N, C-alpha and C. Protein backbone atom coordinates (compact mmCIF):
# COMPACT_ATOMS: atom_id res chain seq x y z
N MET A 1 16.85 156.93 41.49
CA MET A 1 17.76 157.40 40.47
C MET A 1 18.75 158.34 41.12
N GLY A 2 19.95 158.40 40.62
CA GLY A 2 20.97 159.26 41.17
C GLY A 2 21.40 160.31 40.17
N TYR A 3 22.67 160.71 40.29
CA TYR A 3 23.22 161.64 39.32
C TYR A 3 24.55 161.09 38.85
N VAL A 4 24.90 161.39 37.64
CA VAL A 4 26.13 160.88 37.04
C VAL A 4 27.35 161.24 37.90
N THR A 5 28.26 160.28 38.05
CA THR A 5 29.48 160.54 38.82
C THR A 5 30.68 160.62 37.89
N GLY A 6 31.71 161.30 38.36
CA GLY A 6 32.95 161.41 37.60
C GLY A 6 33.57 160.05 37.34
N LYS A 7 33.47 159.17 38.32
CA LYS A 7 34.01 157.82 38.18
C LYS A 7 33.35 157.09 37.01
N THR A 8 32.03 157.20 36.92
CA THR A 8 31.29 156.55 35.83
C THR A 8 31.70 157.13 34.49
N ILE A 9 31.79 158.45 34.39
CA ILE A 9 32.19 159.10 33.14
C ILE A 9 33.57 158.62 32.71
N LYS A 10 34.50 158.62 33.65
CA LYS A 10 35.88 158.22 33.34
C LYS A 10 35.94 156.76 32.88
N GLU A 11 35.25 155.86 33.60
CA GLU A 11 35.27 154.45 33.24
C GLU A 11 34.70 154.22 31.85
N LEU A 12 33.57 154.87 31.55
CA LEU A 12 32.95 154.71 30.25
C LEU A 12 33.82 155.31 29.14
N ARG A 13 34.41 156.46 29.41
CA ARG A 13 35.27 157.10 28.41
C ARG A 13 36.48 156.23 28.10
N GLU A 14 37.12 155.71 29.15
CA GLU A 14 38.30 154.86 28.94
C GLU A 14 37.92 153.55 28.27
N LYS A 15 36.76 153.01 28.59
CA LYS A 15 36.30 151.77 27.96
C LYS A 15 36.15 151.97 26.45
N ARG A 16 35.71 153.16 26.04
CA ARG A 16 35.53 153.47 24.62
C ARG A 16 36.81 153.98 23.98
N LYS A 17 37.90 154.06 24.77
CA LYS A 17 39.21 154.51 24.28
C LYS A 17 39.12 155.91 23.64
N VAL A 18 38.47 156.81 24.38
CA VAL A 18 38.28 158.18 23.93
C VAL A 18 38.99 159.10 24.91
N THR A 19 39.68 160.10 24.41
CA THR A 19 40.34 161.07 25.30
C THR A 19 39.30 162.06 25.83
N GLN A 20 39.70 162.79 26.88
CA GLN A 20 38.80 163.81 27.43
C GLN A 20 38.47 164.85 26.35
N LYS A 21 39.47 165.21 25.57
CA LYS A 21 39.28 166.21 24.52
C LYS A 21 38.30 165.70 23.46
N GLU A 22 38.44 164.43 23.04
CA GLU A 22 37.54 163.86 22.03
C GLU A 22 36.11 163.82 22.55
N LEU A 23 35.93 163.43 23.82
CA LEU A 23 34.60 163.39 24.41
C LEU A 23 34.01 164.80 24.46
N ALA A 24 34.81 165.74 24.88
CA ALA A 24 34.35 167.13 24.97
C ALA A 24 33.89 167.65 23.61
N GLU A 25 34.66 167.34 22.57
CA GLU A 25 34.30 167.78 21.22
C GLU A 25 32.98 167.15 20.76
N LYS A 26 32.78 165.87 21.11
CA LYS A 26 31.55 165.17 20.69
C LYS A 26 30.30 165.79 21.30
N ILE A 27 30.42 166.32 22.52
CA ILE A 27 29.22 166.85 23.18
C ILE A 27 29.20 168.38 23.26
N GLY A 28 30.23 169.02 22.69
CA GLY A 28 30.22 170.48 22.60
C GLY A 28 30.56 171.22 23.87
N VAL A 29 31.49 170.65 24.67
CA VAL A 29 31.97 171.36 25.87
C VAL A 29 33.50 171.41 25.81
N GLY A 30 34.11 172.15 26.71
CA GLY A 30 35.55 172.21 26.77
C GLY A 30 36.13 170.97 27.45
N ASP A 31 37.37 170.59 27.08
CA ASP A 31 37.98 169.40 27.68
C ASP A 31 38.25 169.60 29.17
N LYS A 32 38.36 170.85 29.61
CA LYS A 32 38.56 171.10 31.03
C LYS A 32 37.30 170.75 31.82
N ALA A 33 36.13 170.89 31.18
CA ALA A 33 34.87 170.52 31.83
C ALA A 33 34.86 169.02 32.10
N VAL A 34 35.27 168.23 31.12
CA VAL A 34 35.30 166.77 31.29
C VAL A 34 36.27 166.40 32.41
N SER A 35 37.41 167.05 32.46
CA SER A 35 38.39 166.80 33.52
C SER A 35 37.79 167.11 34.89
N LYS A 36 37.08 168.22 35.00
CA LYS A 36 36.43 168.59 36.28
C LYS A 36 35.41 167.55 36.70
N TRP A 37 34.62 167.05 35.73
CA TRP A 37 33.61 166.03 36.04
C TRP A 37 34.28 164.78 36.59
N GLU A 38 35.34 164.35 35.90
CA GLU A 38 35.99 163.10 36.27
C GLU A 38 36.72 163.18 37.61
N THR A 39 37.16 164.36 37.99
CA THR A 39 37.86 164.51 39.27
C THR A 39 36.91 164.92 40.40
N GLY A 40 35.63 165.03 40.10
CA GLY A 40 34.65 165.37 41.12
C GLY A 40 34.61 166.83 41.47
N LYS A 41 35.22 167.70 40.66
CA LYS A 41 35.23 169.14 40.93
C LYS A 41 34.08 169.87 40.26
N GLY A 42 33.23 169.11 39.60
CA GLY A 42 32.07 169.69 38.93
C GLY A 42 31.18 168.58 38.40
N LEU A 43 29.99 168.96 37.97
CA LEU A 43 29.04 168.00 37.41
C LEU A 43 28.56 168.51 36.06
N PRO A 44 28.26 167.59 35.14
CA PRO A 44 27.74 168.04 33.85
C PRO A 44 26.37 168.68 34.00
N ASP A 45 26.13 169.69 33.20
CA ASP A 45 24.84 170.36 33.17
C ASP A 45 23.79 169.37 32.66
N ILE A 46 22.59 169.45 33.18
CA ILE A 46 21.52 168.54 32.78
C ILE A 46 21.26 168.62 31.27
N GLY A 47 21.56 169.75 30.66
CA GLY A 47 21.36 169.93 29.22
C GLY A 47 22.27 169.11 28.33
N VAL A 48 23.38 168.59 28.88
CA VAL A 48 24.29 167.78 28.07
C VAL A 48 24.21 166.30 28.40
N ILE A 49 23.34 165.92 29.32
CA ILE A 49 23.26 164.52 29.77
C ILE A 49 22.92 163.57 28.61
N GLU A 50 21.95 163.93 27.78
CA GLU A 50 21.56 163.06 26.66
C GLU A 50 22.73 162.89 25.68
N GLU A 51 23.39 163.99 25.34
CA GLU A 51 24.54 163.91 24.43
C GLU A 51 25.69 163.13 25.06
N LEU A 52 25.92 163.33 26.36
CA LEU A 52 26.98 162.61 27.07
C LEU A 52 26.71 161.11 27.06
N ALA A 53 25.48 160.72 27.35
CA ALA A 53 25.13 159.30 27.33
C ALA A 53 25.35 158.72 25.95
N GLY A 54 24.91 159.43 24.92
CA GLY A 54 25.09 158.96 23.55
C GLY A 54 26.55 158.82 23.17
N ALA A 55 27.36 159.80 23.55
CA ALA A 55 28.79 159.77 23.24
C ALA A 55 29.50 158.63 23.97
N LEU A 56 28.98 158.25 25.13
CA LEU A 56 29.59 157.18 25.91
C LEU A 56 28.96 155.81 25.60
N GLY A 57 27.95 155.80 24.74
CA GLY A 57 27.34 154.55 24.30
C GLY A 57 26.47 153.86 25.33
N VAL A 58 25.81 154.65 26.19
CA VAL A 58 24.92 154.08 27.20
C VAL A 58 23.61 154.85 27.21
N SER A 59 22.61 154.29 27.88
CA SER A 59 21.34 155.00 28.03
C SER A 59 21.50 156.07 29.11
N ILE A 60 20.56 156.99 29.15
CA ILE A 60 20.58 158.03 30.18
C ILE A 60 20.47 157.39 31.56
N ALA A 61 19.59 156.40 31.70
CA ALA A 61 19.41 155.72 32.98
C ALA A 61 20.71 155.06 33.43
N GLU A 62 21.42 154.42 32.50
CA GLU A 62 22.69 153.76 32.86
C GLU A 62 23.73 154.80 33.28
N LEU A 63 23.76 155.93 32.58
CA LEU A 63 24.71 156.98 32.94
C LEU A 63 24.41 157.53 34.33
N LEU A 64 23.14 157.75 34.63
CA LEU A 64 22.77 158.34 35.92
C LEU A 64 22.95 157.39 37.09
N THR A 65 22.71 156.11 36.87
CA THR A 65 22.82 155.15 37.97
C THR A 65 24.21 154.53 38.06
N GLY A 66 24.94 154.54 36.96
CA GLY A 66 26.24 153.88 36.94
C GLY A 66 26.12 152.38 36.78
N GLU A 67 24.89 151.87 36.65
CA GLU A 67 24.65 150.44 36.48
C GLU A 67 24.48 150.14 35.00
N LEU A 68 25.53 149.58 34.41
CA LEU A 68 25.50 149.29 32.98
C LEU A 68 24.86 147.94 32.76
N ARG A 69 23.93 147.91 31.83
CA ARG A 69 23.20 146.68 31.55
C ARG A 69 23.51 146.23 30.15
N GLU A 70 24.04 145.07 30.02
CA GLU A 70 24.31 144.48 28.72
C GLU A 70 23.32 143.36 28.51
N ASN A 71 22.78 143.28 27.31
CA ASN A 71 21.84 142.21 27.01
C ASN A 71 22.60 140.90 27.06
N GLY A 72 22.39 140.11 28.10
CA GLY A 72 23.11 138.86 28.29
C GLY A 72 22.49 137.68 27.59
N ASN A 73 21.33 137.86 26.99
CA ASN A 73 20.67 136.78 26.29
C ASN A 73 21.43 136.49 24.99
N LYS A 74 22.17 135.40 24.97
CA LYS A 74 23.02 135.09 23.82
C LYS A 74 22.23 134.93 22.54
N SER A 75 21.00 134.51 22.63
CA SER A 75 20.22 134.28 21.41
C SER A 75 19.53 135.54 20.91
N ALA A 76 19.51 136.60 21.68
CA ALA A 76 18.76 137.78 21.25
C ALA A 76 19.54 139.08 21.31
N ASN A 77 20.83 139.04 21.48
CA ASN A 77 21.62 140.26 21.56
C ASN A 77 21.99 140.71 20.15
N MET A 78 21.42 141.82 19.72
CA MET A 78 21.64 142.30 18.35
C MET A 78 23.09 142.65 18.07
N ARG A 79 23.89 142.87 19.11
CA ARG A 79 25.31 143.18 18.87
C ARG A 79 26.07 141.97 18.37
N LYS A 80 25.45 140.81 18.39
CA LYS A 80 26.05 139.61 17.84
C LYS A 80 25.67 139.45 16.36
N MET A 81 25.09 140.51 15.81
CA MET A 81 24.62 140.50 14.43
C MET A 81 25.77 140.18 13.47
N CYS A 82 25.50 139.28 12.53
CA CYS A 82 26.45 138.92 11.49
C CYS A 82 25.82 139.26 10.14
N PHE A 83 26.66 139.64 9.19
CA PHE A 83 26.19 140.04 7.87
C PHE A 83 26.84 139.16 6.81
N TYR A 84 26.04 138.82 5.81
CA TYR A 84 26.50 138.01 4.69
C TYR A 84 26.00 138.70 3.42
N VAL A 85 26.89 138.91 2.44
CA VAL A 85 26.51 139.59 1.21
C VAL A 85 26.82 138.69 0.02
N CYS A 86 25.84 138.52 -0.85
CA CYS A 86 26.03 137.72 -2.05
C CYS A 86 26.82 138.53 -3.07
N PRO A 87 27.98 138.03 -3.51
CA PRO A 87 28.77 138.77 -4.50
C PRO A 87 28.15 138.74 -5.89
N VAL A 88 27.17 137.88 -6.10
CA VAL A 88 26.54 137.78 -7.42
C VAL A 88 25.39 138.77 -7.56
N CYS A 89 24.42 138.71 -6.64
CA CYS A 89 23.22 139.55 -6.78
C CYS A 89 23.17 140.73 -5.79
N GLY A 90 24.04 140.72 -4.77
CA GLY A 90 24.07 141.82 -3.80
C GLY A 90 23.11 141.67 -2.64
N ASN A 91 22.39 140.56 -2.55
CA ASN A 91 21.50 140.35 -1.40
C ASN A 91 22.28 140.44 -0.10
N ILE A 92 21.67 141.02 0.92
CA ILE A 92 22.27 141.11 2.24
C ILE A 92 21.47 140.23 3.17
N ILE A 93 22.13 139.30 3.82
CA ILE A 93 21.48 138.41 4.78
C ILE A 93 22.03 138.74 6.15
N THR A 94 21.14 138.95 7.13
CA THR A 94 21.56 139.24 8.49
C THR A 94 21.15 138.09 9.39
N SER A 95 21.96 137.89 10.44
CA SER A 95 21.69 136.81 11.38
C SER A 95 22.16 137.24 12.76
N VAL A 96 21.36 136.95 13.77
CA VAL A 96 21.79 137.23 15.14
C VAL A 96 22.62 136.01 15.57
N GLY A 97 23.90 136.07 15.28
CA GLY A 97 24.81 134.96 15.52
C GLY A 97 25.30 134.39 14.20
N HIS A 98 26.30 133.54 14.28
CA HIS A 98 26.91 132.97 13.09
C HIS A 98 26.01 131.91 12.46
N GLY A 99 26.14 131.73 11.16
CA GLY A 99 25.36 130.73 10.47
C GLY A 99 26.00 130.43 9.12
N THR A 100 25.39 129.54 8.40
CA THR A 100 25.83 129.22 7.05
C THR A 100 24.67 129.51 6.11
N PHE A 101 24.92 130.38 5.15
CA PHE A 101 23.88 130.81 4.24
C PHE A 101 24.38 130.73 2.81
N SER A 102 23.47 130.47 1.90
CA SER A 102 23.85 130.44 0.50
C SER A 102 22.88 131.28 -0.31
N CYS A 103 23.37 131.80 -1.43
CA CYS A 103 22.58 132.61 -2.34
C CYS A 103 23.21 132.44 -3.72
N CYS A 104 22.42 132.39 -4.73
CA CYS A 104 22.90 132.24 -6.11
C CYS A 104 23.83 131.03 -6.26
N GLY A 105 23.58 130.00 -5.45
CA GLY A 105 24.33 128.76 -5.57
C GLY A 105 25.68 128.73 -4.89
N ILE A 106 26.01 129.76 -4.11
CA ILE A 106 27.31 129.77 -3.41
C ILE A 106 27.11 129.99 -1.91
N THR A 107 28.03 129.46 -1.11
CA THR A 107 28.01 129.69 0.33
C THR A 107 28.60 131.07 0.57
N LEU A 108 27.89 131.87 1.35
CA LEU A 108 28.31 133.26 1.57
C LEU A 108 29.31 133.38 2.71
N PRO A 109 30.36 134.17 2.50
CA PRO A 109 31.28 134.44 3.61
C PRO A 109 30.70 135.52 4.52
N GLU A 110 31.06 135.48 5.79
CA GLU A 110 30.63 136.51 6.72
C GLU A 110 31.42 137.79 6.42
N VAL A 111 30.73 138.92 6.42
CA VAL A 111 31.36 140.21 6.15
C VAL A 111 31.90 140.79 7.45
N GLU A 112 33.13 141.22 7.45
CA GLU A 112 33.73 141.88 8.61
C GLU A 112 33.35 143.35 8.60
N ALA A 113 33.10 143.92 9.77
CA ALA A 113 32.75 145.34 9.87
C ALA A 113 33.96 146.19 9.54
N GLU A 114 33.71 147.29 8.85
CA GLU A 114 34.76 148.25 8.50
C GLU A 114 35.17 149.02 9.75
N LYS A 115 36.46 149.09 10.00
CA LYS A 115 36.94 149.79 11.18
C LYS A 115 37.93 150.89 10.81
N ASP A 116 37.78 151.43 9.61
CA ASP A 116 38.63 152.52 9.13
C ASP A 116 40.10 152.09 9.04
N GLU A 117 40.35 150.80 8.77
CA GLU A 117 41.71 150.32 8.68
C GLU A 117 42.29 150.48 7.28
N GLU A 118 41.44 150.69 6.27
CA GLU A 118 41.91 150.80 4.90
C GLU A 118 42.12 152.26 4.51
N GLY A 119 42.16 153.17 5.46
CA GLY A 119 42.38 154.58 5.16
C GLY A 119 41.12 155.32 4.78
N HIS A 120 39.96 154.69 4.92
CA HIS A 120 38.71 155.38 4.64
C HIS A 120 38.44 156.34 5.77
N CYS A 121 37.97 157.50 5.44
CA CYS A 121 37.67 158.50 6.46
C CYS A 121 36.20 158.36 6.85
N ILE A 122 35.95 157.67 7.98
CA ILE A 122 34.59 157.49 8.47
C ILE A 122 34.29 158.61 9.45
N CYS A 123 33.27 159.40 9.15
CA CYS A 123 32.91 160.54 10.00
C CYS A 123 31.49 160.35 10.52
N VAL A 124 31.34 160.37 11.85
CA VAL A 124 30.02 160.26 12.46
C VAL A 124 29.78 161.54 13.26
N GLU A 125 28.72 162.23 12.92
CA GLU A 125 28.35 163.45 13.63
C GLU A 125 26.93 163.28 14.17
N THR A 126 26.67 163.88 15.32
CA THR A 126 25.35 163.79 15.93
C THR A 126 24.73 165.17 15.96
N ALA A 127 23.52 165.26 15.40
CA ALA A 127 22.79 166.52 15.41
C ALA A 127 21.30 166.23 15.20
N ASP A 128 20.46 167.03 15.83
CA ASP A 128 19.02 166.93 15.63
C ASP A 128 18.49 165.51 15.79
N ASN A 129 18.88 164.83 16.87
CA ASN A 129 18.41 163.47 17.15
C ASN A 129 18.78 162.45 16.08
N GLU A 130 19.85 162.72 15.33
CA GLU A 130 20.30 161.80 14.30
C GLU A 130 21.81 161.64 14.34
N HIS A 131 22.26 160.47 13.90
CA HIS A 131 23.68 160.23 13.66
C HIS A 131 23.87 160.33 12.15
N SER A 132 24.74 161.22 11.72
CA SER A 132 25.02 161.37 10.31
C SER A 132 26.36 160.70 10.03
N VAL A 133 26.37 159.74 9.11
CA VAL A 133 27.57 158.99 8.77
C VAL A 133 27.97 159.33 7.34
N THR A 134 29.20 159.79 7.17
CA THR A 134 29.75 160.00 5.84
C THR A 134 31.08 159.27 5.75
N ILE A 135 31.38 158.78 4.56
CA ILE A 135 32.63 158.04 4.34
C ILE A 135 33.23 158.50 3.03
N GLN A 136 34.53 158.81 3.08
CA GLN A 136 35.26 159.14 1.86
C GLN A 136 35.76 157.82 1.28
N HIS A 137 35.12 157.37 0.23
CA HIS A 137 35.47 156.09 -0.40
C HIS A 137 35.02 156.12 -1.85
N PRO A 138 35.87 155.65 -2.76
CA PRO A 138 35.42 155.60 -4.16
C PRO A 138 34.28 154.60 -4.30
N MET A 139 33.25 154.98 -5.05
CA MET A 139 32.07 154.13 -5.22
C MET A 139 31.89 153.81 -6.70
N GLY A 140 32.78 152.98 -7.24
CA GLY A 140 32.67 152.55 -8.63
C GLY A 140 32.02 151.19 -8.70
N LYS A 141 31.66 150.76 -9.90
CA LYS A 141 30.98 149.46 -10.06
C LYS A 141 31.86 148.29 -9.64
N GLY A 142 33.18 148.42 -9.74
CA GLY A 142 34.06 147.33 -9.37
C GLY A 142 34.43 147.29 -7.90
N HIS A 143 34.26 148.40 -7.20
CA HIS A 143 34.66 148.47 -5.78
C HIS A 143 33.81 149.53 -5.10
N TYR A 144 32.97 149.08 -4.16
CA TYR A 144 32.12 150.03 -3.44
C TYR A 144 31.67 149.42 -2.11
N ILE A 145 31.18 150.27 -1.22
CA ILE A 145 30.61 149.82 0.05
C ILE A 145 29.15 149.52 -0.22
N SER A 146 28.69 148.30 0.13
CA SER A 146 27.33 147.91 -0.24
C SER A 146 26.27 148.29 0.80
N PHE A 147 26.65 148.48 2.07
CA PHE A 147 25.66 148.90 3.05
C PHE A 147 26.34 149.47 4.29
N ILE A 148 25.56 150.22 5.06
CA ILE A 148 25.98 150.73 6.36
C ILE A 148 24.91 150.29 7.36
N ALA A 149 25.33 149.78 8.51
CA ALA A 149 24.38 149.31 9.52
C ALA A 149 24.66 150.00 10.86
N TYR A 150 23.59 150.32 11.56
CA TYR A 150 23.66 150.89 12.91
C TYR A 150 23.03 149.85 13.82
N VAL A 151 23.85 149.22 14.68
CA VAL A 151 23.38 148.12 15.51
C VAL A 151 23.49 148.51 16.98
N THR A 152 22.40 148.33 17.73
CA THR A 152 22.40 148.50 19.18
C THR A 152 22.03 147.15 19.79
N THR A 153 21.93 147.07 21.09
CA THR A 153 21.63 145.77 21.71
C THR A 153 20.26 145.24 21.32
N ASP A 154 19.35 146.11 20.87
CA ASP A 154 18.01 145.62 20.56
C ASP A 154 17.46 146.06 19.20
N ALA A 155 18.31 146.61 18.34
CA ALA A 155 17.79 147.07 17.05
C ALA A 155 18.88 147.07 15.98
N LEU A 156 18.43 146.98 14.73
CA LEU A 156 19.29 147.06 13.57
C LEU A 156 18.66 148.02 12.57
N ASN A 157 19.43 148.99 12.13
CA ASN A 157 19.02 149.88 11.04
C ASN A 157 20.04 149.70 9.94
N LEU A 158 19.61 149.38 8.74
CA LEU A 158 20.52 149.08 7.65
C LEU A 158 20.13 149.91 6.43
N VAL A 159 21.14 150.51 5.78
CA VAL A 159 20.90 151.29 4.57
C VAL A 159 21.73 150.68 3.46
N LYS A 160 21.09 150.28 2.37
CA LYS A 160 21.74 149.69 1.21
C LYS A 160 22.34 150.82 0.37
N LEU A 161 23.59 150.64 -0.08
CA LEU A 161 24.26 151.61 -0.92
C LEU A 161 24.49 151.00 -2.31
N TYR A 162 24.69 151.86 -3.28
CA TYR A 162 24.87 151.42 -4.66
C TYR A 162 26.08 152.10 -5.27
N PRO A 163 26.69 151.46 -6.30
CA PRO A 163 27.84 152.07 -6.96
C PRO A 163 27.50 153.45 -7.50
N GLU A 164 28.52 154.30 -7.56
CA GLU A 164 28.42 155.65 -8.11
C GLU A 164 27.46 156.55 -7.33
N GLN A 165 27.26 156.21 -6.05
CA GLN A 165 26.44 157.04 -5.15
C GLN A 165 27.37 157.51 -4.04
N GLY A 166 27.21 158.74 -3.58
CA GLY A 166 27.99 159.21 -2.45
C GLY A 166 27.54 158.54 -1.17
N ILE A 167 28.40 158.51 -0.17
CA ILE A 167 28.05 157.86 1.09
C ILE A 167 27.74 158.91 2.13
N SER A 168 26.48 159.14 2.35
CA SER A 168 26.00 160.05 3.38
C SER A 168 24.67 159.48 3.87
N VAL A 169 24.67 158.98 5.11
CA VAL A 169 23.52 158.27 5.66
C VAL A 169 23.16 158.87 7.01
N ARG A 170 21.87 158.92 7.31
CA ARG A 170 21.41 159.40 8.62
C ARG A 170 20.65 158.28 9.33
N PHE A 171 20.98 158.12 10.61
CA PHE A 171 20.27 157.16 11.45
C PHE A 171 19.65 157.93 12.60
N ARG A 172 18.41 157.68 12.88
CA ARG A 172 17.74 158.31 14.01
C ARG A 172 18.33 157.77 15.30
N LYS A 173 18.68 158.66 16.22
CA LYS A 173 19.23 158.22 17.51
C LYS A 173 18.18 157.42 18.26
N LYS A 174 18.65 156.41 18.97
CA LYS A 174 17.76 155.62 19.80
C LYS A 174 17.28 156.50 20.94
N VAL A 175 15.98 156.60 21.10
CA VAL A 175 15.41 157.46 22.12
C VAL A 175 14.86 156.59 23.25
N MET A 176 15.20 156.96 24.46
CA MET A 176 14.70 156.23 25.61
C MET A 176 13.42 156.93 26.09
N VAL A 177 12.36 156.17 26.27
CA VAL A 177 11.10 156.72 26.74
C VAL A 177 10.89 156.33 28.19
N CYS A 178 10.62 157.30 29.02
CA CYS A 178 10.34 157.04 30.43
C CYS A 178 8.90 157.40 30.72
N ILE A 179 8.21 156.51 31.41
CA ILE A 179 6.84 156.78 31.83
C ILE A 179 6.85 156.91 33.34
N LEU A 180 6.45 158.06 33.82
CA LEU A 180 6.49 158.31 35.26
C LEU A 180 5.10 158.30 35.86
């Protein structure tokens, strides 16, 4: 095992289209610290490694080695997860990959993931080993968000939402266990 390099931090940050300042805010350090790491003039403190890995979307091992591993198994990669919602009864059907599903006598369309394009304010904060997701969105019976999902390469956590309920959901951070 090695130690995180500035090159790795910079590549991962740019891949996620995050500025140095945004990354610094996510992990609670100054943006000058991130700049120093990326230029090789300093190294992140061991106390921020877990938060840094989480903010960059990689495991601690991947961050330390610089070897990023993507689940290449096309049939088992959870990031290929597709969602289908029945407009009649509200059933949610999930599939690892595309498919054709029906419910209540109709063929279900695939649901596109929300990317904050409709002006909804999606806020994700990390604290106490959890990701807290809040969204500013009207939740009336005629128009509401029906679920929020947290998908990683090997897991799916889904929370069903209902009309006239506020949107505030917590997902437990994926924890990497090492046996030495």
